[in-house]
Amino acid sequence: MSAENTTWPLPKFFFSVTGIPGTPVFQEVSGLEAEAQIIEYRAGNSKIFAPIKMPGLQKVGNVTMKKGIFVTDQNLWKWFSSIAMNTIARSTVVVNLMDETGTARMIWTLNNAFPTKLTGTDLKSDGNEVAVESIEIAYETLAVSIA
């Protein structure tokens, strides 16, 4: 079998995020997940003394994104500051996992997204790392597509 006929999984380091004000470049995205809640039911006259399980409502978790802090970049803080009770302008956030040519191959679409938590960097006088901030985003539905 030659290497050119082998199918390889996509590397996870080449991705982009759109739909966030200022279009920041993130170094990490985590929490792209969905799950179905379980409904348990047992009829009173069932001869089996255990409940049956059925899939119920689906739910999604929050997504956390991390990026370096730049002196002139306040876009995440402005976006977070714009939220107020029941008046948030929701947006569609799209995470693209790309192949070596820069073509999006896996696409996660977070519908009706808004920021819920913004965390600044930790500070260490003896540290040797860049300053990184993170934002947590809540959303209502997740659509996953393959390009």
N, C-alpha and C. Protein backbone atom coordinates (compact mmCIF):
# COMPACT_ATOMS: atom_id res chain seq x y z
N MET A 1 0.85 -1.17 0.00
CA MET A 1 0.00 0.00 0.00
C MET A 1 0.90 1.24 0.00
N SER A 2 0.65 2.15 -0.92
CA SER A 2 1.47 3.35 -0.99
C SER A 2 0.89 4.44 -0.10
N ALA A 3 1.73 5.37 0.29
CA ALA A 3 1.31 6.43 1.20
C ALA A 3 0.28 7.36 0.56
N GLU A 4 0.32 7.51 -0.76
CA GLU A 4 -0.62 8.43 -1.41
C GLU A 4 -2.05 7.91 -1.42
N ASN A 5 -2.25 6.61 -1.23
CA ASN A 5 -3.59 6.04 -1.19
C ASN A 5 -4.12 5.87 0.23
N THR A 6 -3.33 6.26 1.21
CA THR A 6 -3.73 6.12 2.61
C THR A 6 -4.55 7.32 3.04
N THR A 7 -5.64 7.09 3.72
CA THR A 7 -6.45 8.17 4.26
C THR A 7 -5.98 8.47 5.68
N TRP A 8 -5.66 9.73 5.91
CA TRP A 8 -5.14 10.15 7.21
C TRP A 8 -6.18 11.04 7.91
N PRO A 9 -6.23 10.97 9.23
CA PRO A 9 -7.13 11.89 9.95
C PRO A 9 -6.61 13.33 9.84
N LEU A 10 -7.51 14.26 9.99
CA LEU A 10 -7.14 15.67 9.93
C LEU A 10 -6.35 16.07 11.18
N PRO A 11 -5.31 16.88 11.04
CA PRO A 11 -4.63 17.39 12.24
C PRO A 11 -5.51 18.45 12.89
N LYS A 12 -5.40 18.60 14.19
CA LYS A 12 -6.29 19.52 14.91
C LYS A 12 -5.71 20.92 15.10
N PHE A 13 -4.55 21.20 14.52
CA PHE A 13 -3.91 22.49 14.77
C PHE A 13 -4.20 23.55 13.71
N PHE A 14 -4.90 23.21 12.61
CA PHE A 14 -5.17 24.17 11.54
C PHE A 14 -6.67 24.44 11.51
N PHE A 15 -7.09 25.53 12.17
CA PHE A 15 -8.51 25.84 12.29
C PHE A 15 -8.72 27.35 12.29
N SER A 16 -9.96 27.74 12.07
CA SER A 16 -10.31 29.16 12.13
C SER A 16 -11.67 29.30 12.80
N VAL A 17 -11.91 30.50 13.34
CA VAL A 17 -13.18 30.81 14.00
C VAL A 17 -13.69 32.11 13.39
N THR A 18 -14.97 32.10 12.98
CA THR A 18 -15.59 33.32 12.46
C THR A 18 -16.89 33.58 13.23
N GLY A 19 -17.38 34.81 13.12
CA GLY A 19 -18.64 35.17 13.76
C GLY A 19 -18.49 35.90 15.08
N ILE A 20 -17.26 36.11 15.51
CA ILE A 20 -16.99 36.86 16.75
C ILE A 20 -16.48 38.23 16.35
N PRO A 21 -16.98 39.31 16.97
CA PRO A 21 -16.54 40.65 16.58
C PRO A 21 -15.03 40.80 16.57
N GLY A 22 -14.51 41.38 15.51
CA GLY A 22 -13.08 41.59 15.36
C GLY A 22 -12.35 40.40 14.76
N THR A 23 -13.03 39.29 14.58
CA THR A 23 -12.46 38.04 14.03
C THR A 23 -11.12 37.72 14.66
N PRO A 24 -11.08 37.46 15.96
CA PRO A 24 -9.81 37.12 16.62
C PRO A 24 -9.29 35.77 16.16
N VAL A 25 -7.98 35.59 16.30
CA VAL A 25 -7.33 34.32 15.96
C VAL A 25 -7.10 33.58 17.27
N PHE A 26 -7.74 32.44 17.40
CA PHE A 26 -7.66 31.66 18.63
C PHE A 26 -6.58 30.59 18.52
N GLN A 27 -6.00 30.23 19.67
CA GLN A 27 -5.01 29.16 19.71
C GLN A 27 -5.60 27.86 20.21
N GLU A 28 -6.81 27.93 20.79
CA GLU A 28 -7.43 26.72 21.32
C GLU A 28 -8.94 26.88 21.34
N VAL A 29 -9.64 25.81 20.96
CA VAL A 29 -11.10 25.74 21.05
C VAL A 29 -11.42 24.41 21.70
N SER A 30 -12.23 24.42 22.76
CA SER A 30 -12.59 23.17 23.43
C SER A 30 -14.07 23.20 23.83
N GLY A 31 -14.66 22.02 23.93
CA GLY A 31 -16.04 21.91 24.39
C GLY A 31 -17.06 21.75 23.27
N LEU A 32 -16.63 21.41 22.07
CA LEU A 32 -17.57 21.18 20.97
C LEU A 32 -18.24 19.83 21.21
N GLU A 33 -19.37 19.84 21.91
CA GLU A 33 -20.00 18.58 22.28
C GLU A 33 -21.52 18.72 22.33
N ALA A 34 -22.17 17.60 22.10
CA ALA A 34 -23.63 17.52 22.21
C ALA A 34 -23.97 16.19 22.85
N GLU A 35 -25.07 16.15 23.56
CA GLU A 35 -25.49 14.89 24.19
C GLU A 35 -27.01 14.83 24.23
N ALA A 36 -27.52 13.62 24.30
CA ALA A 36 -28.96 13.42 24.43
C ALA A 36 -29.25 13.03 25.87
N GLN A 37 -30.21 13.70 26.48
CA GLN A 37 -30.62 13.33 27.83
C GLN A 37 -31.41 12.02 27.75
N ILE A 38 -31.39 11.28 28.81
CA ILE A 38 -32.03 9.97 28.85
C ILE A 38 -33.37 10.07 29.59
N ILE A 39 -34.41 9.47 29.00
CA ILE A 39 -35.71 9.37 29.65
C ILE A 39 -35.87 7.93 30.10
N GLU A 40 -36.15 7.73 31.38
CA GLU A 40 -36.40 6.38 31.90
C GLU A 40 -37.89 6.23 32.17
N TYR A 41 -38.43 5.10 31.78
CA TYR A 41 -39.87 4.87 31.96
C TYR A 41 -40.10 3.39 32.26
N ARG A 42 -41.03 3.13 33.16
CA ARG A 42 -41.43 1.76 33.44
C ARG A 42 -42.93 1.74 33.64
N ALA A 43 -43.63 0.97 32.83
CA ALA A 43 -45.07 0.81 32.98
C ALA A 43 -45.34 0.01 34.25
N GLY A 44 -46.43 0.32 34.93
CA GLY A 44 -46.76 -0.35 36.18
C GLY A 44 -47.01 -1.83 36.06
N ASN A 45 -47.43 -2.30 34.88
CA ASN A 45 -47.70 -3.72 34.71
C ASN A 45 -46.58 -4.47 33.97
N SER A 46 -45.42 -3.84 33.84
CA SER A 46 -44.29 -4.47 33.14
C SER A 46 -43.78 -5.66 33.95
N LYS A 47 -43.51 -6.77 33.26
CA LYS A 47 -42.97 -7.96 33.91
C LYS A 47 -41.47 -7.84 34.16
N ILE A 48 -40.85 -6.84 33.55
CA ILE A 48 -39.43 -6.58 33.77
C ILE A 48 -39.32 -5.51 34.85
N PHE A 49 -38.57 -5.81 35.90
CA PHE A 49 -38.47 -4.90 37.03
C PHE A 49 -37.32 -3.89 36.86
N ALA A 50 -37.30 -3.28 35.69
CA ALA A 50 -36.31 -2.25 35.39
C ALA A 50 -36.92 -1.29 34.37
N PRO A 51 -36.54 -0.04 34.41
CA PRO A 51 -37.10 0.91 33.44
C PRO A 51 -36.47 0.73 32.06
N ILE A 52 -37.20 1.14 31.03
CA ILE A 52 -36.61 1.20 29.70
C ILE A 52 -36.02 2.59 29.54
N LYS A 53 -35.07 2.73 28.64
CA LYS A 53 -34.43 4.02 28.41
C LYS A 53 -34.67 4.46 26.98
N MET A 54 -34.97 5.75 26.84
CA MET A 54 -35.22 6.34 25.53
C MET A 54 -34.43 7.64 25.43
N PRO A 55 -34.04 8.03 24.20
CA PRO A 55 -33.37 9.33 24.06
C PRO A 55 -34.38 10.46 24.25
N GLY A 56 -33.95 11.49 24.95
CA GLY A 56 -34.81 12.64 25.20
C GLY A 56 -34.29 13.87 24.49
N LEU A 57 -34.42 15.01 25.14
CA LEU A 57 -33.96 16.26 24.56
C LEU A 57 -32.44 16.25 24.40
N GLN A 58 -31.97 16.90 23.35
CA GLN A 58 -30.53 17.05 23.17
C GLN A 58 -30.09 18.36 23.81
N LYS A 59 -28.87 18.38 24.29
CA LYS A 59 -28.33 19.62 24.84
C LYS A 59 -26.87 19.74 24.45
N VAL A 60 -26.38 20.97 24.48
CA VAL A 60 -25.00 21.25 24.13
C VAL A 60 -24.32 21.93 25.31
N GLY A 61 -23.02 21.78 25.39
CA GLY A 61 -22.26 22.44 26.44
C GLY A 61 -21.71 23.76 25.94
N ASN A 62 -21.10 24.51 26.82
CA ASN A 62 -20.46 25.76 26.41
C ASN A 62 -19.11 25.47 25.77
N VAL A 63 -18.69 26.36 24.90
CA VAL A 63 -17.40 26.24 24.22
C VAL A 63 -16.45 27.27 24.80
N THR A 64 -15.21 26.87 25.06
CA THR A 64 -14.18 27.78 25.56
C THR A 64 -13.14 27.99 24.49
N MET A 65 -12.78 29.24 24.26
CA MET A 65 -11.77 29.59 23.26
C MET A 65 -10.69 30.43 23.93
N LYS A 66 -9.44 30.16 23.55
CA LYS A 66 -8.30 30.89 24.13
C LYS A 66 -7.50 31.55 23.04
N LYS A 67 -6.98 32.74 23.36
CA LYS A 67 -6.15 33.48 22.41
C LYS A 67 -5.15 34.35 23.16
N GLY A 68 -4.11 34.75 22.45
CA GLY A 68 -3.12 35.65 23.02
C GLY A 68 -3.70 37.05 23.20
N ILE A 69 -3.20 37.77 24.20
CA ILE A 69 -3.64 39.14 24.45
C ILE A 69 -2.72 40.09 23.70
N PHE A 70 -3.34 40.98 22.92
CA PHE A 70 -2.61 42.00 22.18
C PHE A 70 -3.01 43.36 22.70
N VAL A 71 -2.08 44.31 22.72
CA VAL A 71 -2.30 45.63 23.30
C VAL A 71 -3.48 46.34 22.66
N THR A 72 -3.63 46.26 21.36
CA THR A 72 -4.67 47.02 20.66
C THR A 72 -5.98 46.25 20.48
N ASP A 73 -6.09 45.04 21.02
CA ASP A 73 -7.26 44.20 20.80
C ASP A 73 -8.14 44.14 22.04
N GLN A 74 -9.27 44.81 21.98
CA GLN A 74 -10.24 44.81 23.08
C GLN A 74 -11.58 44.21 22.64
N ASN A 75 -11.61 43.52 21.49
CA ASN A 75 -12.86 43.06 20.91
C ASN A 75 -13.62 42.08 21.80
N LEU A 76 -12.93 41.14 22.45
CA LEU A 76 -13.63 40.19 23.32
C LEU A 76 -14.24 40.89 24.52
N TRP A 77 -13.52 41.86 25.09
CA TRP A 77 -14.05 42.60 26.23
C TRP A 77 -15.26 43.43 25.82
N LYS A 78 -15.22 44.03 24.64
CA LYS A 78 -16.36 44.82 24.15
C LYS A 78 -17.56 43.90 23.91
N TRP A 79 -17.32 42.72 23.32
CA TRP A 79 -18.42 41.78 23.05
C TRP A 79 -19.05 41.32 24.36
N PHE A 80 -18.19 40.97 25.33
CA PHE A 80 -18.70 40.54 26.63
C PHE A 80 -19.46 41.67 27.34
N SER A 81 -18.96 42.89 27.24
CA SER A 81 -19.61 44.04 27.90
C SER A 81 -20.95 44.37 27.27
N SER A 82 -21.20 43.90 26.05
CA SER A 82 -22.46 44.23 25.37
C SER A 82 -23.64 43.41 25.87
N ILE A 83 -23.37 42.35 26.65
CA ILE A 83 -24.50 41.53 27.11
C ILE A 83 -25.22 42.23 28.26
N ALA A 84 -26.51 42.14 28.23
CA ALA A 84 -27.36 42.65 29.29
C ALA A 84 -28.56 41.73 29.34
N MET A 85 -29.27 41.74 30.44
CA MET A 85 -30.39 40.81 30.60
C MET A 85 -31.36 40.90 29.43
N ASN A 86 -31.46 39.81 28.70
CA ASN A 86 -32.44 39.62 27.63
C ASN A 86 -32.28 40.56 26.44
N THR A 87 -31.17 41.28 26.32
CA THR A 87 -30.99 42.18 25.18
C THR A 87 -29.73 41.88 24.39
N ILE A 88 -29.13 40.71 24.59
CA ILE A 88 -27.90 40.37 23.91
C ILE A 88 -28.14 40.14 22.42
N ALA A 89 -27.27 40.67 21.62
CA ALA A 89 -27.31 40.41 20.17
C ALA A 89 -26.59 39.08 19.96
N ARG A 90 -27.33 38.05 19.69
CA ARG A 90 -26.74 36.73 19.48
C ARG A 90 -26.13 36.65 18.09
N SER A 91 -25.16 35.76 17.94
CA SER A 91 -24.51 35.62 16.64
C SER A 91 -24.29 34.15 16.33
N THR A 92 -23.92 33.88 15.10
CA THR A 92 -23.59 32.54 14.66
C THR A 92 -22.07 32.44 14.61
N VAL A 93 -21.51 31.54 15.41
CA VAL A 93 -20.06 31.34 15.45
C VAL A 93 -19.75 30.05 14.71
N VAL A 94 -18.78 30.11 13.80
CA VAL A 94 -18.42 28.96 12.98
C VAL A 94 -16.97 28.59 13.24
N VAL A 95 -16.74 27.31 13.56
CA VAL A 95 -15.39 26.79 13.76
C VAL A 95 -15.09 25.85 12.59
N ASN A 96 -14.02 26.15 11.85
CA ASN A 96 -13.63 25.36 10.68
C ASN A 96 -12.35 24.60 10.97
N LEU A 97 -12.35 23.30 10.76
CA LEU A 97 -11.13 22.50 10.82
C LEU A 97 -10.69 22.30 9.38
N MET A 98 -9.47 22.71 9.06
CA MET A 98 -9.02 22.76 7.66
C MET A 98 -7.98 21.69 7.35
N ASP A 99 -7.89 21.37 6.06
CA ASP A 99 -6.86 20.44 5.60
C ASP A 99 -5.61 21.25 5.24
N GLU A 100 -4.60 20.57 4.69
CA GLU A 100 -3.31 21.22 4.41
C GLU A 100 -3.40 22.32 3.35
N THR A 101 -4.47 22.34 2.55
CA THR A 101 -4.62 23.38 1.53
C THR A 101 -5.38 24.59 2.05
N GLY A 102 -5.88 24.53 3.29
CA GLY A 102 -6.64 25.63 3.86
C GLY A 102 -8.13 25.54 3.57
N THR A 103 -8.57 24.39 3.06
CA THR A 103 -9.98 24.16 2.78
C THR A 103 -10.67 23.62 4.03
N ALA A 104 -11.79 24.22 4.40
CA ALA A 104 -12.54 23.75 5.57
C ALA A 104 -13.09 22.36 5.28
N ARG A 105 -12.82 21.40 6.15
CA ARG A 105 -13.28 20.02 5.97
C ARG A 105 -14.35 19.63 6.99
N MET A 106 -14.21 20.06 8.22
CA MET A 106 -15.22 19.85 9.27
C MET A 106 -15.65 21.24 9.73
N ILE A 107 -16.96 21.43 9.84
CA ILE A 107 -17.49 22.74 10.20
C ILE A 107 -18.48 22.58 11.35
N TRP A 108 -18.21 23.26 12.47
CA TRP A 108 -19.11 23.29 13.61
C TRP A 108 -19.77 24.67 13.62
N THR A 109 -21.08 24.71 13.58
CA THR A 109 -21.82 25.97 13.59
C THR A 109 -22.57 26.09 14.91
N LEU A 110 -22.23 27.11 15.68
CA LEU A 110 -22.86 27.38 16.98
C LEU A 110 -23.91 28.45 16.77
N ASN A 111 -25.17 28.06 16.85
CA ASN A 111 -26.26 28.98 16.56
C ASN A 111 -26.73 29.72 17.81
N ASN A 112 -27.05 31.00 17.63
CA ASN A 112 -27.52 31.88 18.70
C ASN A 112 -26.51 31.95 19.86
N ALA A 113 -25.27 32.20 19.51
CA ALA A 113 -24.19 32.21 20.50
C ALA A 113 -24.02 33.58 21.15
N PHE A 114 -23.58 33.56 22.42
CA PHE A 114 -23.25 34.79 23.14
C PHE A 114 -22.24 34.45 24.23
N PRO A 115 -21.40 35.43 24.62
CA PRO A 115 -20.39 35.17 25.64
C PRO A 115 -20.99 35.09 27.04
N THR A 116 -20.47 34.17 27.86
CA THR A 116 -20.95 34.05 29.23
C THR A 116 -19.84 34.28 30.26
N LYS A 117 -18.60 34.15 29.85
CA LYS A 117 -17.50 34.30 30.80
C LYS A 117 -16.25 34.73 30.04
N LEU A 118 -15.54 35.68 30.59
CA LEU A 118 -14.28 36.14 30.00
C LEU A 118 -13.22 36.11 31.08
N THR A 119 -12.12 35.44 30.82
CA THR A 119 -11.07 35.27 31.82
C THR A 119 -9.78 35.86 31.28
N GLY A 120 -9.18 36.76 32.06
CA GLY A 120 -7.88 37.32 31.70
C GLY A 120 -6.78 36.34 32.02
N THR A 121 -5.58 36.74 31.74
CA THR A 121 -4.43 35.87 31.95
C THR A 121 -4.02 35.82 33.42
N ASP A 122 -3.31 34.75 33.77
CA ASP A 122 -2.66 34.74 35.08
C ASP A 122 -1.34 35.48 34.93
N LEU A 123 -0.87 36.05 36.01
CA LEU A 123 0.35 36.86 35.96
C LEU A 123 1.40 36.24 36.88
N LYS A 124 2.61 36.07 36.35
CA LYS A 124 3.72 35.49 37.13
C LYS A 124 4.98 36.30 36.86
N SER A 125 5.61 36.74 37.91
CA SER A 125 6.82 37.55 37.73
C SER A 125 7.99 36.73 37.20
N ASP A 126 7.96 35.42 37.39
CA ASP A 126 9.05 34.58 36.89
C ASP A 126 8.62 33.72 35.69
N GLY A 127 7.47 34.06 35.09
CA GLY A 127 6.94 33.28 33.97
C GLY A 127 7.64 33.61 32.66
N ASN A 128 7.51 32.71 31.71
CA ASN A 128 8.14 32.88 30.41
C ASN A 128 7.14 32.52 29.31
N GLU A 129 5.85 32.87 29.50
CA GLU A 129 4.82 32.55 28.54
C GLU A 129 4.14 33.83 28.08
N VAL A 130 3.39 33.72 26.98
CA VAL A 130 2.62 34.86 26.52
C VAL A 130 1.34 34.96 27.34
N ALA A 131 0.77 36.15 27.38
CA ALA A 131 -0.49 36.37 28.09
C ALA A 131 -1.64 35.83 27.23
N VAL A 132 -2.50 35.01 27.86
CA VAL A 132 -3.60 34.35 27.14
C VAL A 132 -4.90 34.66 27.88
N GLU A 133 -5.94 35.05 27.11
CA GLU A 133 -7.27 35.24 27.68
C GLU A 133 -8.19 34.18 27.10
N SER A 134 -9.27 33.89 27.83
CA SER A 134 -10.22 32.89 27.33
C SER A 134 -11.63 33.43 27.44
N ILE A 135 -12.47 32.97 26.54
CA ILE A 135 -13.88 33.35 26.53
C ILE A 135 -14.72 32.09 26.47
N GLU A 136 -15.78 32.06 27.26
CA GLU A 136 -16.71 30.93 27.25
C GLU A 136 -17.97 31.39 26.55
N ILE A 137 -18.44 30.58 25.61
CA ILE A 137 -19.57 30.96 24.77
C ILE A 137 -20.69 29.94 24.95
N ALA A 138 -21.88 30.43 25.25
CA ALA A 138 -23.08 29.58 25.30
C ALA A 138 -23.77 29.70 23.95
N TYR A 139 -24.47 28.64 23.56
CA TYR A 139 -25.20 28.65 22.29
C TYR A 139 -26.37 27.66 22.41
N GLU A 140 -27.30 27.75 21.48
CA GLU A 140 -28.51 26.94 21.59
C GLU A 140 -28.43 25.62 20.84
N THR A 141 -27.96 25.65 19.60
CA THR A 141 -27.86 24.42 18.81
C THR A 141 -26.52 24.33 18.13
N LEU A 142 -26.11 23.10 17.86
CA LEU A 142 -24.84 22.80 17.20
C LEU A 142 -25.13 22.03 15.92
N ALA A 143 -24.60 22.53 14.81
CA ALA A 143 -24.70 21.82 13.53
C ALA A 143 -23.29 21.45 13.10
N VAL A 144 -23.09 20.19 12.75
CA VAL A 144 -21.78 19.73 12.30
C VAL A 144 -21.94 19.28 10.86
N SER A 145 -21.05 19.78 9.99
CA SER A 145 -21.10 19.40 8.59
C SER A 145 -19.71 19.06 8.09
N ILE A 146 -19.68 18.28 7.04
CA ILE A 146 -18.43 17.87 6.40
C ILE A 146 -18.41 18.48 5.02
N ALA A 147 -17.33 19.19 4.73
CA ALA A 147 -17.22 19.86 3.41
C ALA A 147 -16.58 18.93 2.39
